[in-house]
Amino acid sequence: MGFSIALIVFSLLLMLLVLMHKGKGGGLSDMFGGGMQSSVGGSSVAERNLDRITVVVGLLWFACIVVLGLLMKVNN
């Protein structure tokens, strides 16, 4: 039961984080300082941190999927 709730929470968080990423026309990350980058440098600190957080949440989401699959296989 706990992994099911964690999967729901990670799914919602992952959707929110993906929507915050900057696309071609900007994104919600501009509201939090992501749009304040110069044209010379790479991505801003906010964008890099958002990328890192998204990867970590994605890996946790994947781990929940694997654990739930193994639990379902063991219970049957």
Protein backbone atom coordinates (compact mmCIF):
# COMPACT_ATOMS: atom_id res chain seq x y z
CA MET A 1 0.00 0.00 0.00
CA GLY A 2 2.83 2.38 0.84
CA PHE A 3 4.52 1.94 -2.54
CA SER A 4 1.21 2.65 -4.31
CA ILE A 5 0.88 5.96 -2.49
CA ALA A 6 4.53 6.77 -3.17
CA LEU A 7 3.97 6.01 -6.87
CA ILE A 8 1.04 8.43 -7.00
CA VAL A 9 3.01 11.15 -5.23
CA PHE A 10 6.08 10.67 -7.45
CA SER A 11 3.88 10.66 -10.57
CA LEU A 12 2.27 13.97 -9.67
CA LEU A 13 5.60 15.49 -8.69
CA LEU A 14 7.20 14.29 -11.92
CA MET A 15 4.40 15.85 -13.99
CA LEU A 16 4.84 19.15 -12.17
CA LEU A 17 8.61 19.13 -12.63
CA VAL A 18 8.38 18.32 -16.34
CA LEU A 19 5.90 21.15 -16.85
CA MET A 20 8.27 23.55 -15.12
CA HIS A 21 11.06 22.89 -17.65
CA LYS A 22 11.75 25.52 -20.25
CA GLY A 23 10.66 24.63 -23.75
CA LYS A 24 11.21 26.56 -26.96
CA GLY A 25 8.92 29.37 -25.88
CA GLY A 26 9.90 29.48 -22.20
CA GLY A 27 8.38 27.62 -19.32
CA LEU A 28 7.12 27.93 -15.82
CA SER A 29 10.74 27.93 -14.63
CA ASP A 30 10.97 31.53 -15.88
CA MET A 31 8.78 32.51 -12.95
CA PHE A 32 11.43 31.20 -10.55
CA GLY A 33 14.48 32.86 -12.11
CA GLY A 34 15.14 30.40 -14.91
CA GLY A 35 14.72 33.09 -17.55
CA MET A 36 17.52 35.26 -16.19
CA GLN A 37 20.32 33.58 -18.13
CA SER A 38 22.68 35.35 -20.47
CA SER A 39 22.94 34.38 -24.11
CA VAL A 40 26.67 33.69 -23.69
CA GLY A 41 26.54 31.10 -20.88
CA GLY A 42 24.80 27.78 -20.60
CA SER A 43 21.73 27.10 -18.54
CA SER A 44 21.16 28.87 -15.26
CA VAL A 45 21.58 27.39 -11.80
CA ALA A 46 17.81 27.11 -11.43
CA GLU A 47 17.51 25.08 -14.65
CA ARG A 48 20.37 22.77 -13.69
CA ASN A 49 18.88 22.17 -10.24
CA LEU A 50 15.48 21.55 -11.81
CA ASP A 51 17.09 19.00 -14.14
CA ARG A 52 18.78 17.22 -11.23
CA ILE A 53 15.59 17.11 -9.15
CA THR A 54 13.62 15.79 -12.13
CA VAL A 55 16.15 12.99 -12.73
CA VAL A 56 16.11 11.97 -9.05
CA VAL A 57 12.29 11.93 -8.92
CA GLY A 58 12.21 9.98 -12.19
CA LEU A 59 14.57 7.35 -10.78
CA LEU A 60 12.48 7.08 -7.60
CA TRP A 61 9.35 6.72 -9.74
CA PHE A 62 11.01 3.93 -11.73
CA ALA A 63 12.13 2.19 -8.53
CA CYS A 64 8.55 2.27 -7.21
CA ILE A 65 7.32 0.68 -10.45
CA VAL A 66 9.91 -2.11 -10.17
CA VAL A 67 9.18 -2.77 -6.48
CA LEU A 68 5.42 -2.84 -7.08
CA GLY A 69 5.91 -5.27 -9.97
CA LEU A 70 8.05 -7.56 -7.82
CA LEU A 71 5.56 -7.41 -4.95
CA MET A 72 2.70 -8.29 -7.28
CA LYS A 73 4.69 -11.22 -8.70
CA VAL A 74 5.54 -12.56 -5.22
CA ASN A 75 1.96 -12.22 -3.94
CA ASN A 76 0.50 -14.22 -6.84
